[in-house]
Amino acid sequence: MNIKPEFDYVLGKEIAIDTGVVSTGNVADTKQYYKVLEVGKGRHQYGVFVPTTAKVGDIVIIQKQAAEGDTPPELYARGYALFMETRIMAITSEGEING
């Protein structure tokens, strides 16, 4: 895939995380985990450049709907997402999630 995000956008691939939580259709279904594949350089805010803090290889947690509007449907259907860095709720690593 040859997609390079601009500004503070992040390209990620959804990953399944075994949290040991049984989904009831409520809170457990509202978060998604993505492995960061590409990141933009950052954004300008109030005249100051703010670099992107997410890095390739990070595992990020976002709200389930955070990427739907910005991601082309054909990518979203294949498990990829394009979302603004400000939509990231947490950044971690795969080792910390799995054990």
C-alpha atoms as a PDB file:
ATOM      1  CA  MET A   1       0.000   0.000   0.000  1.00  0.00           C
ATOM      2  CA  ASN A   2       1.431   3.356  -0.988  1.00  0.00           C
ATOM      3  CA  ILE A   3      -0.379   5.921   1.162  1.00  0.00           C
ATOM      4  CA  LYS A   4       1.493   8.701   2.961  1.00  0.00           C
ATOM      5  CA  PRO A   5      -0.683  10.693   5.369  1.00  0.00           C
ATOM      6  CA  GLU A   6      -0.432  14.476   5.406  1.00  0.00           C
ATOM      7  CA  PHE A   7      -0.474  16.897   8.353  1.00  0.00           C
ATOM      8  CA  ASP A   8      -1.375  15.073  11.599  1.00  0.00           C
ATOM      9  CA  TYR A   9      -3.116  12.111   9.982  1.00  0.00           C
ATOM     10  CA  VAL A  10      -2.186   8.543  10.900  1.00  0.00           C
ATOM     11  CA  LEU A  11      -2.607   5.405   8.775  1.00  0.00           C
ATOM     12  CA  GLY A  12      -3.196   2.246  10.773  1.00  0.00           C
ATOM     13  CA  LYS A  13      -4.142  -1.394  10.344  1.00  0.00           C
ATOM     14  CA  GLU A  14      -6.699  -2.756  12.785  1.00  0.00           C
ATOM     15  CA  ILE A  15      -5.444  -5.490  15.059  1.00  0.00           C
ATOM     16  CA  ALA A  16      -7.371  -7.880  17.262  1.00  0.00           C
ATOM     17  CA  ILE A  17      -6.495  -7.703  20.936  1.00  0.00           C
ATOM     18  CA  ASP A  18      -7.508 -10.480  23.303  1.00  0.00           C
ATOM     19  CA  THR A  19      -8.457  -8.496  26.386  1.00  0.00           C
ATOM     20  CA  GLY A  20     -10.224 -11.378  28.085  1.00  0.00           C
ATOM     21  CA  VAL A  21     -13.383  -9.269  28.166  1.00  0.00           C
ATOM     22  CA  VAL A  22     -16.569 -10.849  26.885  1.00  0.00           C
ATOM     23  CA  SER A  23     -18.297  -8.394  24.576  1.00  0.00           C
ATOM     24  CA  THR A  24     -21.831  -7.500  25.583  1.00  0.00           C
ATOM     25  CA  GLY A  25     -22.378  -5.037  22.763  1.00  0.00           C
ATOM     26  CA  ASN A  26     -21.743  -2.084  25.058  1.00  0.00           C
ATOM     27  CA  VAL A  27     -18.468  -0.462  26.130  1.00  0.00           C
ATOM     28  CA  ALA A  28     -16.183  -3.302  24.980  1.00  0.00           C
ATOM     29  CA  ASP A  29     -17.228  -2.697  21.362  1.00  0.00           C
ATOM     30  CA  THR A  30     -16.496   1.050  21.307  1.00  0.00           C
ATOM     31  CA  LYS A  31     -12.676   0.938  21.090  1.00  0.00           C
ATOM     32  CA  GLN A  32     -10.436  -0.227  18.260  1.00  0.00           C
ATOM     33  CA  TYR A  33      -6.723  -0.994  18.261  1.00  0.00           C
ATOM     34  CA  TYR A  34      -4.542  -0.074  15.295  1.00  0.00           C
ATOM     35  CA  LYS A  35      -0.903  -0.682  14.479  1.00  0.00           C
ATOM     36  CA  VAL A  36       0.519   2.554  13.058  1.00  0.00           C
ATOM     37  CA  LEU A  37       1.851   2.084   9.516  1.00  0.00           C
ATOM     38  CA  GLU A  38       2.515   5.707   8.470  1.00  0.00           C
ATOM     39  CA  VAL A  39       2.248   9.146  10.054  1.00  0.00           C
ATOM     40  CA  GLY A  40       2.099  12.693   8.763  1.00  0.00           C
ATOM     41  CA  LYS A  41       4.668  15.265   9.868  1.00  0.00           C
ATOM     42  CA  GLY A  42       2.341  17.319  12.049  1.00  0.00           C
ATOM     43  CA  ARG A  43       0.140  20.408  11.962  1.00  0.00           C
ATOM     44  CA  HIS A  44       0.285  24.130  12.542  1.00  0.00           C
ATOM     45  CA  GLN A  45      -1.720  25.350  15.502  1.00  0.00           C
ATOM     46  CA  TYR A  46      -1.881  29.038  16.382  1.00  0.00           C
ATOM     47  CA  GLY A  47       1.238  29.702  14.316  1.00  0.00           C
ATOM     48  CA  VAL A  48       3.285  26.958  15.992  1.00  0.00           C
ATOM     49  CA  PHE A  49       4.240  23.686  14.316  1.00  0.00           C
ATOM     50  CA  VAL A  50       3.133  20.677  16.394  1.00  0.00           C
ATOM     51  CA  PRO A  51       4.880  17.450  15.285  1.00  0.00           C
ATOM     52  CA  THR A  52       3.034  14.148  15.267  1.00  0.00           C
ATOM     53  CA  THR A  53       3.852  12.082  18.368  1.00  0.00           C
ATOM     54  CA  ALA A  54       2.555   8.694  17.159  1.00  0.00           C
ATOM     55  CA  LYS A  55       5.293   6.634  15.543  1.00  0.00           C
ATOM     56  CA  VAL A  56       5.322   3.785  13.050  1.00  0.00           C
ATOM     57  CA  GLY A  57       4.912   0.532  14.977  1.00  0.00           C
ATOM     58  CA  ASP A  58       2.954   2.050  17.881  1.00  0.00           C
ATOM     59  CA  ILE A  59      -0.317   0.452  18.900  1.00  0.00           C
ATOM     60  CA  VAL A  60      -3.002   3.104  19.313  1.00  0.00           C
ATOM     61  CA  ILE A  61      -6.499   3.005  20.750  1.00  0.00           C
ATOM     62  CA  ILE A  62      -9.232   5.087  19.142  1.00  0.00           C
ATOM     63  CA  GLN A  63     -13.004   5.291  19.350  1.00  0.00           C
ATOM     64  CA  LYS A  64     -14.657   2.958  16.856  1.00  0.00           C
ATOM     65  CA  GLN A  65     -16.249   5.782  14.832  1.00  0.00           C
ATOM     66  CA  ALA A  66     -13.154   8.040  14.820  1.00  0.00           C
ATOM     67  CA  ALA A  67     -11.844   6.795  11.472  1.00  0.00           C
ATOM     68  CA  GLU A  68     -15.019   6.058   9.524  1.00  0.00           C
ATOM     69  CA  GLY A  69     -15.508   9.527   8.051  1.00  0.00           C
ATOM     70  CA  ASP A  70     -11.901  10.100   6.944  1.00  0.00           C
ATOM     71  CA  THR A  71     -11.087   6.656   5.583  1.00  0.00           C
ATOM     72  CA  PRO A  72     -12.029   5.692   2.010  1.00  0.00           C
ATOM     73  CA  PRO A  73     -14.603   2.857   2.264  1.00  0.00           C
ATOM     74  CA  GLU A  74     -12.482   0.401   0.258  1.00  0.00           C
ATOM     75  CA  LEU A  75      -9.617   0.793   2.778  1.00  0.00           C
ATOM     76  CA  TYR A  76     -11.868   0.684   5.839  1.00  0.00           C
ATOM     77  CA  ALA A  77     -13.429  -2.568   4.610  1.00  0.00           C
ATOM     78  CA  ARG A  78      -9.922  -4.130   4.530  1.00  0.00           C
ATOM     79  CA  GLY A  79      -9.146  -3.110   8.127  1.00  0.00           C
ATOM     80  CA  TYR A  80      -7.169   0.059   7.402  1.00  0.00           C
ATOM     81  CA  ALA A  81      -7.993   3.447   8.872  1.00  0.00           C
ATOM     82  CA  LEU A  82      -6.905   7.021   8.301  1.00  0.00           C
ATOM     83  CA  PHE A  83      -7.542   9.263  11.297  1.00  0.00           C
ATOM     84  CA  MET A  84      -6.319  12.482  12.874  1.00  0.00           C
ATOM     85  CA  GLU A  85      -3.790  12.075  15.654  1.00  0.00           C
ATOM     86  CA  THR A  86      -6.086  14.042  17.969  1.00  0.00           C
ATOM     87  CA  ARG A  87      -8.497  11.053  17.770  1.00  0.00           C
ATOM     88  CA  ILE A  88      -5.964   8.790  19.507  1.00  0.00           C
ATOM     89  CA  MET A  89      -6.929   8.078  23.105  1.00  0.00           C
ATOM     90  CA  ALA A  90      -3.762   6.141  24.042  1.00  0.00           C
ATOM     91  CA  ILE A  91      -0.462   5.003  22.542  1.00  0.00           C
ATOM     92  CA  THR A  92       1.198   1.793  23.672  1.00  0.00           C
ATOM     93  CA  SER A  93       3.269  -1.044  22.244  1.00  0.00           C
ATOM     94  CA  GLU A  94       2.248  -4.536  21.273  1.00  0.00           C
ATOM     95  CA  GLY A  95       4.337  -6.053  24.071  1.00  0.00           C
ATOM     96  CA  GLU A  96       2.502  -4.021  26.708  1.00  0.00           C
ATOM     97  CA  ILE A  97      -0.922  -5.078  25.402  1.00  0.00           C
ATOM     98  CA  ASN A  98      -0.159  -8.790  25.051  1.00  0.00           C
ATOM     99  CA  GLY A  99       1.658  -9.335  28.171  1.00  0.00           C
END
